[in-house]
Amino acid sequence: MLQSVIGLSVAEREAAREARLREGILTPIEAAEYLGLSEASLRWYRCKGKGPRAHKDGGRWFYLRHDLDAYRQDVSQ
Protein backbone atom coordinates (compact mmCIF):
# COMPACT_ATOMS: atom_id res chain seq x y z
CA MET A 1 0.00 0.00 0.00
CA LEU A 2 2.60 2.51 1.03
CA GLN A 3 5.73 2.80 -0.99
CA SER A 4 9.15 3.86 0.14
CA VAL A 5 10.16 7.35 -0.90
CA ILE A 6 13.85 6.72 -0.39
CA GLY A 7 15.75 7.47 -3.57
CA LEU A 8 12.87 9.36 -5.21
CA SER A 9 13.12 12.90 -6.47
CA VAL A 10 11.03 15.63 -4.88
CA ALA A 11 8.59 15.51 -7.81
CA GLU A 12 8.28 11.73 -7.55
CA ARG A 13 7.70 11.94 -3.78
CA GLU A 14 4.98 14.53 -4.27
CA ALA A 15 3.33 12.42 -6.99
CA ALA A 16 3.38 9.38 -4.68
CA ARG A 17 1.87 11.47 -1.85
CA GLU A 18 -0.90 12.80 -4.10
CA ALA A 19 -1.69 9.27 -5.33
CA ARG A 20 -1.85 8.02 -1.73
CA LEU A 21 -4.18 10.85 -0.71
CA ARG A 22 -6.45 10.19 -3.72
CA GLU A 23 -6.77 6.61 -2.49
CA GLY A 24 -7.73 7.89 0.97
CA ILE A 25 -4.56 6.74 2.73
CA LEU A 26 -3.25 9.16 5.35
CA THR A 27 -0.13 9.15 7.50
CA PRO A 28 -0.59 9.63 11.27
CA ILE A 29 0.33 13.31 10.92
CA GLU A 30 -2.21 13.82 8.13
CA ALA A 31 -4.87 11.82 10.01
CA ALA A 32 -4.37 13.86 13.17
CA GLU A 33 -4.69 17.08 11.20
CA TYR A 34 -7.80 15.74 9.43
CA LEU A 35 -9.43 15.01 12.82
CA GLY A 36 -8.19 18.18 14.50
CA LEU A 37 -6.08 16.24 17.00
CA SER A 38 -2.40 16.25 17.83
CA GLU A 39 -0.35 13.35 16.51
CA ALA A 40 0.45 12.41 20.13
CA SER A 41 -3.27 12.14 20.97
CA LEU A 42 -3.90 9.97 17.94
CA ARG A 43 -0.95 7.75 18.89
CA TRP A 44 -2.28 7.47 22.47
CA TYR A 45 -5.73 6.46 21.19
CA ARG A 46 -4.12 3.83 18.95
CA CYS A 47 -2.04 2.41 21.82
CA LYS A 48 -5.11 2.21 24.08
CA GLY A 49 -7.24 0.58 21.35
CA LYS A 50 -9.47 3.64 21.10
CA GLY A 51 -9.91 6.12 18.31
CA PRO A 52 -10.11 5.41 14.60
CA ARG A 53 -9.03 2.10 13.13
CA ALA A 54 -5.32 2.13 12.29
CA HIS A 55 -3.45 -0.08 9.85
CA LYS A 56 0.18 -1.10 9.72
CA ASP A 57 2.21 -1.70 6.57
CA GLY A 58 5.65 -2.99 7.44
CA GLY A 59 6.77 -0.67 10.23
CA ARG A 60 4.56 2.26 9.27
CA TRP A 61 1.12 3.12 10.55
CA PHE A 62 -1.52 4.65 8.31
CA TYR A 63 -5.22 5.51 8.38
CA LEU A 64 -7.95 5.23 5.79
CA ARG A 65 -10.12 8.30 5.27
CA HIS A 66 -13.37 6.31 5.52
CA ASP A 67 -12.25 4.97 8.94
CA LEU A 68 -11.54 8.54 10.09
CA ASP A 69 -14.95 9.69 8.85
CA ALA A 70 -16.68 6.81 10.67
CA TYR A 71 -14.78 7.65 13.87
CA ARG A 72 -15.69 11.34 13.56
CA GLN A 73 -19.35 10.43 13.12
CA ASP A 74 -19.30 8.07 16.14
CA VAL A 75 -17.72 10.74 18.34
CA SER A 76 -20.24 13.41 17.30
CA GLN A 77 -23.23 11.26 18.32
PDB file of N, CA and C in Angstrom:
ATOM      1  N   MET A   1       0.814  -1.191   0.000  1.00  0.00           N
ATOM      2  CA  MET A   1       0.000   0.000   0.000  1.00  0.00           C
ATOM      3  C   MET A   1       0.861   1.260   0.000  1.00  0.00           C
ATOM      4  N   LEU A   2       1.712   1.360   0.980  1.00  0.00           N
ATOM      5  CA  LEU A   2       2.604   2.505   1.032  1.00  0.00           C
ATOM      6  C   LEU A   2       3.904   2.135   0.344  1.00  0.00           C
ATOM      7  N   GLN A   3       4.466   3.089  -0.344  1.00  0.00           N
ATOM      8  CA  GLN A   3       5.728   2.799  -0.990  1.00  0.00           C
ATOM      9  C   GLN A   3       6.816   3.645  -0.362  1.00  0.00           C
ATOM     10  N   SER A   4       8.016   3.136  -0.404  1.00  0.00           N
ATOM     11  CA  SER A   4       9.152   3.860   0.137  1.00  0.00           C
ATOM     12  C   SER A   4       9.450   5.057  -0.752  1.00  0.00           C
ATOM     13  N   VAL A   5       9.811   6.163  -0.126  1.00  0.00           N
ATOM     14  CA  VAL A   5      10.156   7.353  -0.898  1.00  0.00           C
ATOM     15  C   VAL A   5      11.659   7.560  -0.943  1.00  0.00           C
ATOM     16  N   ILE A   6      12.396   6.616  -0.380  1.00  0.00           N
ATOM     17  CA  ILE A   6      13.850   6.722  -0.389  1.00  0.00           C
ATOM     18  C   ILE A   6      14.342   6.595  -1.821  1.00  0.00           C
ATOM     19  N   GLY A   7      15.173   7.502  -2.227  1.00  0.00           N
ATOM     20  CA  GLY A   7      15.745   7.472  -3.566  1.00  0.00           C
ATOM     21  C   GLY A   7      14.884   8.132  -4.625  1.00  0.00           C
ATOM     22  N   LEU A   8      13.736   8.684  -4.249  1.00  0.00           N
ATOM     23  CA  LEU A   8      12.874   9.359  -5.212  1.00  0.00           C
ATOM     24  C   LEU A   8      13.178  10.846  -5.231  1.00  0.00           C
ATOM     25  N   SER A   9      12.950  11.456  -6.372  1.00  0.00           N
ATOM     26  CA  SER A   9      13.120  12.900  -6.468  1.00  0.00           C
ATOM     27  C   SER A   9      11.962  13.578  -5.743  1.00  0.00           C
ATOM     28  N   VAL A  10      12.081  14.868  -5.546  1.00  0.00           N
ATOM     29  CA  VAL A  10      11.027  15.630  -4.880  1.00  0.00           C
ATOM     30  C   VAL A  10       9.721  15.506  -5.659  1.00  0.00           C
ATOM     31  N   ALA A  11       9.793  15.614  -6.973  1.00  0.00           N
ATOM     32  CA  ALA A  11       8.590  15.514  -7.806  1.00  0.00           C
ATOM     33  C   ALA A  11       7.967  14.127  -7.703  1.00  0.00           C
ATOM     34  N   GLU A  12       8.791  13.098  -7.668  1.00  0.00           N
ATOM     35  CA  GLU A  12       8.281  11.731  -7.550  1.00  0.00           C
ATOM     36  C   GLU A  12       7.649  11.496  -6.181  1.00  0.00           C
ATOM     37  N   ARG A  13       8.268  12.057  -5.121  1.00  0.00           N
ATOM     38  CA  ARG A  13       7.703  11.936  -3.779  1.00  0.00           C
ATOM     39  C   ARG A  13       6.343  12.615  -3.700  1.00  0.00           C
ATOM     40  N   GLU A  14       6.245  13.794  -4.289  1.00  0.00           N
ATOM     41  CA  GLU A  14       4.982  14.526  -4.265  1.00  0.00           C
ATOM     42  C   GLU A  14       3.912  13.790  -5.064  1.00  0.00           C
ATOM     43  N   ALA A  15       4.286  13.201  -6.192  1.00  0.00           N
ATOM     44  CA  ALA A  15       3.335  12.419  -6.993  1.00  0.00           C
ATOM     45  C   ALA A  15       2.852  11.203  -6.211  1.00  0.00           C
ATOM     46  N   ALA A  16       3.760  10.538  -5.491  1.00  0.00           N
ATOM     47  CA  ALA A  16       3.382   9.383  -4.677  1.00  0.00           C
ATOM     48  C   ALA A  16       2.447   9.809  -3.547  1.00  0.00           C
ATOM     49  N   ARG A  17       2.720  10.954  -2.934  1.00  0.00           N
ATOM     50  CA  ARG A  17       1.874  11.474  -1.854  1.00  0.00           C
ATOM     51  C   ARG A  17       0.480  11.790  -2.376  1.00  0.00           C
ATOM     52  N   GLU A  18       0.399  12.456  -3.521  1.00  0.00           N
ATOM     53  CA  GLU A  18      -0.898  12.802  -4.104  1.00  0.00           C
ATOM     54  C   GLU A  18      -1.693  11.548  -4.464  1.00  0.00           C
ATOM     55  N   ALA A  19      -1.022  10.529  -4.994  1.00  0.00           N
ATOM     56  CA  ALA A  19      -1.691   9.272  -5.332  1.00  0.00           C
ATOM     57  C   ALA A  19      -2.230   8.602  -4.062  1.00  0.00           C
ATOM     58  N   ARG A  20      -1.444   8.617  -3.002  1.00  0.00           N
ATOM     59  CA  ARG A  20      -1.855   8.023  -1.733  1.00  0.00           C
ATOM     60  C   ARG A  20      -3.065   8.750  -1.165  1.00  0.00           C
ATOM     61  N   LEU A  21      -3.063  10.071  -1.239  1.00  0.00           N
ATOM     62  CA  LEU A  21      -4.180  10.848  -0.715  1.00  0.00           C
ATOM     63  C   LEU A  21      -5.444  10.624  -1.544  1.00  0.00           C
ATOM     64  N   ARG A  22      -5.301  10.482  -2.865  1.00  0.00           N
ATOM     65  CA  ARG A  22      -6.453  10.195  -3.720  1.00  0.00           C
ATOM     66  C   ARG A  22      -7.095   8.868  -3.340  1.00  0.00           C
ATOM     67  N   GLU A  23      -6.277   7.920  -2.910  1.00  0.00           N
ATOM     68  CA  GLU A  23      -6.775   6.609  -2.487  1.00  0.00           C
ATOM     69  C   GLU A  23      -7.335   6.636  -1.066  1.00  0.00           C
ATOM     70  N   GLY A  24      -7.197   7.766  -0.388  1.00  0.00           N
ATOM     71  CA  GLY A  24      -7.731   7.893   0.966  1.00  0.00           C
ATOM     72  C   GLY A  24      -6.825   7.327   2.039  1.00  0.00           C
ATOM     73  N   ILE A  25      -5.527   7.266   1.769  1.00  0.00           N
ATOM     74  CA  ILE A  25      -4.563   6.743   2.729  1.00  0.00           C
ATOM     75  C   ILE A  25      -3.811   7.924   3.339  1.00  0.00           C
ATOM     76  N   LEU A  26      -3.879   8.037   4.666  1.00  0.00           N
ATOM     77  CA  LEU A  26      -3.247   9.156   5.349  1.00  0.00           C
ATOM     78  C   LEU A  26      -2.215   8.668   6.353  1.00  0.00           C
ATOM     79  N   THR A  27      -1.137   9.413   6.478  1.00  0.00           N
ATOM     80  CA  THR A  27      -0.130   9.149   7.503  1.00  0.00           C
ATOM     81  C   THR A  27      -0.710   9.581   8.852  1.00  0.00           C
ATOM     82  N   PRO A  28      -0.088   9.175   9.960  1.00  0.00           N
ATOM     83  CA  PRO A  28      -0.586   9.630  11.266  1.00  0.00           C
ATOM     84  C   PRO A  28      -0.632  11.154  11.397  1.00  0.00           C
ATOM     85  N   ILE A  29       0.335  11.835  10.853  1.00  0.00           N
ATOM     86  CA  ILE A  29       0.330  13.308  10.916  1.00  0.00           C
ATOM     87  C   ILE A  29      -0.857  13.866  10.147  1.00  0.00           C
ATOM     88  N   GLU A  30      -1.089  13.354   8.946  1.00  0.00           N
ATOM     89  CA  GLU A  30      -2.209  13.823   8.127  1.00  0.00           C
ATOM     90  C   GLU A  30      -3.544  13.463   8.773  1.00  0.00           C
ATOM     91  N   ALA A  31      -3.634  12.259   9.350  1.00  0.00           N
ATOM     92  CA  ALA A  31      -4.868  11.822  10.005  1.00  0.00           C
ATOM     93  C   ALA A  31      -5.178  12.699  11.214  1.00  0.00           C
ATOM     94  N   ALA A  32      -4.166  13.001  11.999  1.00  0.00           N
ATOM     95  CA  ALA A  32      -4.369  13.857  13.174  1.00  0.00           C
ATOM     96  C   ALA A  32      -4.863  15.234  12.743  1.00  0.00           C
ATOM     97  N   GLU A  33      -4.262  15.779  11.709  1.00  0.00           N
ATOM     98  CA  GLU A  33      -4.689  17.081  11.199  1.00  0.00           C
ATOM     99  C   GLU A  33      -6.127  17.005  10.684  1.00  0.00           C
ATOM    100  N   TYR A  34      -6.456  15.944   9.984  1.00  0.00           N
ATOM    101  CA  TYR A  34      -7.798  15.736   9.435  1.00  0.00           C
ATOM    102  C   TYR A  34      -8.844  15.713  10.548  1.00  0.00           C
ATOM    103  N   LEU A  35      -8.500  15.108  11.695  1.00  0.00           N
ATOM    104  CA  LEU A  35      -9.427  15.007  12.819  1.00  0.00           C
ATOM    105  C   LEU A  35      -9.349  16.192  13.778  1.00  0.00           C
ATOM    106  N   GLY A  36      -8.359  17.048  13.594  1.00  0.00           N
ATOM    107  CA  GLY A  36      -8.194  18.176  14.503  1.00  0.00           C
ATOM    108  C   GLY A  36      -7.581  17.779  15.828  1.00  0.00           C
ATOM    109  N   LEU A  37      -6.760  16.732  15.813  1.00  0.00           N
ATOM    110  CA  LEU A  37      -6.076  16.241  17.004  1.00  0.00           C
ATOM    111  C   LEU A  37      -4.574  16.432  16.846  1.00  0.00           C
ATOM    112  N   SER A  38      -3.857  16.279  17.941  1.00  0.00           N
ATOM    113  CA  SER A  38      -2.404  16.246  17.832  1.00  0.00           C
ATOM    114  C   SER A  38      -2.005  14.821  17.453  1.00  0.00           C
ATOM    115  N   GLU A  39      -0.840  14.683  16.861  1.00  0.00           N
ATOM    116  CA  GLU A  39      -0.351  13.352  16.513  1.00  0.00           C
ATOM    117  C   GLU A  39      -0.167  12.507  17.774  1.00  0.00           C
ATOM    118  N   ALA A  40       0.256  13.129  18.868  1.00  0.00           N
ATOM    119  CA  ALA A  40       0.448  12.406  20.130  1.00  0.00           C
ATOM    120  C   ALA A  40      -0.883  11.851  20.647  1.00  0.00           C
ATOM    121  N   SER A  41      -1.955  12.627  20.538  1.00  0.00           N
ATOM    122  CA  SER A  41      -3.272  12.140  20.969  1.00  0.00           C
ATOM    123  C   SER A  41      -3.710  10.960  20.124  1.00  0.00           C
ATOM    124  N   LEU A  42      -3.525  11.063  18.834  1.00  0.00           N
ATOM    125  CA  LEU A  42      -3.904   9.971  17.936  1.00  0.00           C
ATOM    126  C   LEU A  42      -3.096   8.710  18.250  1.00  0.00           C
ATOM    127  N   ARG A  43      -1.812   8.887  18.532  1.00  0.00           N
ATOM    128  CA  ARG A  43      -0.953   7.750  18.890  1.00  0.00           C
ATOM    129  C   ARG A  43      -1.422   7.133  20.210  1.00  0.00           C
ATOM    130  N   TRP A  44      -1.798   7.964  21.192  1.00  0.00           N
ATOM    131  CA  TRP A  44      -2.280   7.474  22.470  1.00  0.00           C
ATOM    132  C   TRP A  44      -3.555   6.668  22.275  1.00  0.00           C
ATOM    133  N   TYR A  45      -4.493   7.192  21.474  1.00  0.00           N
ATOM    134  CA  TYR A  45      -5.727   6.462  21.187  1.00  0.00           C
ATOM    135  C   TYR A  45      -5.416   5.107  20.555  1.00  0.00           C
ATOM    136  N   ARG A  46      -4.480   5.080  19.616  1.00  0.00           N
ATOM    137  CA  ARG A  46      -4.115   3.828  18.946  1.00  0.00           C
ATOM    138  C   ARG A  46      -3.532   2.829  19.945  1.00  0.00           C
ATOM    139  N   CYS A  47      -2.665   3.294  20.828  1.00  0.00           N
ATOM    140  CA  CYS A  47      -2.045   2.405  21.819  1.00  0.00           C
ATOM    141  C   CYS A  47      -3.058   1.862  22.815  1.00  0.00           C
ATOM    142  N   LYS A  48      -4.079   2.626  23.126  1.00  0.00           N
ATOM    143  CA  LYS A  48      -5.113   2.211  24.076  1.00  0.00           C
ATOM    144  C   LYS A  48      -6.244   1.443  23.400  1.00  0.00           C
ATOM    145  N   GLY A  49      -6.187   1.294  22.068  1.00  0.00           N
ATOM    146  CA  GLY A  49      -7.241   0.584  21.354  1.00  0.00           C
ATOM    147  C   GLY A  49      -8.497   1.408  21.173  1.00  0.00           C
ATOM    148  N   LYS A  50      -8.353   2.707  21.279  1.00  0.00           N
ATOM    149  CA  LYS A  50      -9.470   3.636  21.102  1.00  0.00           C
ATOM    150  C   LYS A  50      -9.217   4.417  19.818  1.00  0.00           C
ATOM    151  N   GLY A  51     -10.119   5.291  19.476  1.00  0.00           N
ATOM    152  CA  GLY A  51      -9.909   6.124  18.311  1.00  0.00           C
ATOM    153  C   GLY A  51     -10.201   5.397  17.019  1.00  0.00           C
ATOM    154  N   PRO A  52      -9.820   6.003  15.901  1.00  0.00           N
ATOM    155  CA  PRO A  52     -10.110   5.405  14.599  1.00  0.00           C
ATOM    156  C   PRO A  52      -9.256   4.161  14.354  1.00  0.00           C
ATOM    157  N   ARG A  53      -9.758   3.311  13.499  1.00  0.00           N
ATOM    158  CA  ARG A  53      -9.028   2.096  13.130  1.00  0.00           C
ATOM    159  C   ARG A  53      -7.725   2.486  12.442  1.00  0.00           C
ATOM    160  N   ALA A  54      -6.646   1.880  12.872  1.00  0.00           N
ATOM    161  CA  ALA A  54      -5.323   2.130  12.291  1.00  0.00           C
ATOM    162  C   ALA A  54      -4.837   0.853  11.609  1.00  0.00           C
ATOM    163  N   HIS A  55      -4.000   1.037  10.607  1.00  0.00           N
ATOM    164  CA  HIS A  55      -3.452  -0.082   9.845  1.00  0.00           C
ATOM    165  C   HIS A  55      -1.935   0.032   9.845  1.00  0.00           C
ATOM    166  N   LYS A  56      -1.272  -1.105   9.733  1.00  0.00           N
ATOM    167  CA  LYS A  56       0.184  -1.099   9.719  1.00  0.00           C
ATOM    168  C   LYS A  56       0.674  -1.790   8.451  1.00  0.00           C
ATOM    169  N   ASP A  57       1.588  -1.149   7.766  1.00  0.00           N
ATOM    170  CA  ASP A  57       2.212  -1.698   6.568  1.00  0.00           C
ATOM    171  C   ASP A  57       3.710  -1.725   6.837  1.00  0.00           C
ATOM    172  N   GLY A  58       4.250  -2.906   7.044  1.00  0.00           N
ATOM    173  CA  GLY A  58       5.648  -2.986   7.440  1.00  0.00           C
ATOM    174  C   GLY A  58       5.779  -2.364   8.818  1.00  0.00           C
ATOM    175  N   GLY A  59       6.600  -1.348   8.951  1.00  0.00           N
ATOM    176  CA  GLY A  59       6.770  -0.674  10.225  1.00  0.00           C
ATOM    177  C   GLY A  59       6.037   0.643  10.319  1.00  0.00           C
ATOM    178  N   ARG A  60       5.216   0.951   9.296  1.00  0.00           N
ATOM    179  CA  ARG A  60       4.565   2.264   9.275  1.00  0.00           C
ATOM    180  C   ARG A  60       3.065   2.155   9.481  1.00  0.00           C
ATOM    181  N   TRP A  61       2.549   3.042  10.301  1.00  0.00           N
ATOM    182  CA  TRP A  61       1.115   3.115  10.548  1.00  0.00           C
ATOM    183  C   TRP A  61       0.478   4.046   9.529  1.00  0.00           C
ATOM    184  N   PHE A  62      -0.765   3.755   9.171  1.00  0.00           N
ATOM    185  CA  PHE A  62      -1.517   4.646   8.311  1.00  0.00           C
ATOM    186  C   PHE A  62      -3.000   4.514   8.627  1.00  0.00           C
ATOM    187  N   TYR A  63      -3.782   5.453   8.145  1.00  0.00           N
ATOM    188  CA  TYR A  63      -5.222   5.509   8.380  1.00  0.00           C
ATOM    189  C   TYR A  63      -5.932   5.648   7.050  1.00  0.00           C
ATOM    190  N   LEU A  64      -7.125   5.086   6.974  1.00  0.00           N
ATOM    191  CA  LEU A  64      -7.953   5.229   5.787  1.00  0.00           C
ATOM    192  C   LEU A  64      -8.994   6.308   6.065  1.00  0.00           C
ATOM    193  N   ARG A  65      -9.218   7.161   5.078  1.00  0.00           N
ATOM    194  CA  ARG A  65     -10.120   8.298   5.266  1.00  0.00           C
ATOM    195  C   ARG A  65     -11.510   7.838   5.701  1.00  0.00           C
ATOM    196  N   HIS A  66     -12.021   6.739   5.146  1.00  0.00           N
ATOM    197  CA  HIS A  66     -13.374   6.309   5.522  1.00  0.00           C
ATOM    198  C   HIS A  66     -13.413   5.854   6.988  1.00  0.00           C
ATOM    199  N   ASP A  67     -12.313   5.314   7.519  1.00  0.00           N
ATOM    200  CA  ASP A  67     -12.255   4.970   8.942  1.00  0.00           C
ATOM    201  C   ASP A  67     -12.259   6.234   9.801  1.00  0.00           C
ATOM    202  N   LEU A  68     -11.571   7.266   9.348  1.00  0.00           N
ATOM    203  CA  LEU A  68     -11.540   8.535  10.089  1.00  0.00           C
ATOM    204  C   LEU A  68     -12.919   9.185  10.085  1.00  0.00           C
ATOM    205  N   ASP A  69     -13.603   9.126   8.934  1.00  0.00           N
ATOM    206  CA  ASP A  69     -14.949   9.692   8.848  1.00  0.00           C
ATOM    207  C   ASP A  69     -15.923   8.950   9.766  1.00  0.00           C
ATOM    208  N   ALA A  70     -15.818   7.622   9.799  1.00  0.00           N
ATOM    209  CA  ALA A  70     -16.675   6.809  10.665  1.00  0.00           C
ATOM    210  C   ALA A  70     -16.420   7.152  12.138  1.00  0.00           C
ATOM    211  N   TYR A  71     -15.144   7.297  12.491  1.00  0.00           N
ATOM    212  CA  TYR A  71     -14.783   7.650  13.868  1.00  0.00           C
ATOM    213  C   TYR A  71     -15.348   9.035  14.217  1.00  0.00           C
ATOM    214  N   ARG A  72     -15.189   9.973  13.322  1.00  0.00           N
ATOM    215  CA  ARG A  72     -15.690  11.336  13.556  1.00  0.00           C
ATOM    216  C   ARG A  72     -17.197  11.320  13.772  1.00  0.00           C
ATOM    217  N   GLN A  73     -17.898  10.512  12.980  1.00  0.00           N
ATOM    218  CA  GLN A  73     -19.349  10.426  13.117  1.00  0.00           C
ATOM    219  C   GLN A  73     -19.740   9.783  14.447  1.00  0.00           C
ATOM    220  N   ASP A  74     -19.025   8.731  14.854  1.00  0.00           N
ATOM    221  CA  ASP A  74     -19.300   8.066  16.138  1.00  0.00           C
ATOM    222  C   ASP A  74     -19.094   9.016  17.308  1.00  0.00           C
ATOM    223  N   VAL A  75     -18.052   9.814  17.249  1.00  0.00           N
ATOM    224  CA  VAL A  75     -17.719  10.737  18.338  1.00  0.00           C
ATOM    225  C   VAL A  75     -18.769  11.855  18.436  1.00  0.00           C
ATOM    226  N   SER A  76     -19.297  12.282  17.294  1.00  0.00           N
ATOM    227  CA  SER A  76     -20.236  13.409  17.301  1.00  0.00           C
ATOM    228  C   SER A  76     -21.638  13.006  17.781  1.00  0.00           C
ATOM    229  N   GLN A  77     -21.893  11.699  17.888  1.00  0.00           N
ATOM    230  CA  GLN A  77     -23.232  11.260  18.321  1.00  0.00           C
ATOM    231  C   GLN A  77     -23.330  11.135  19.807  1.00  0.00           C
TER     232      GLN A  77
END
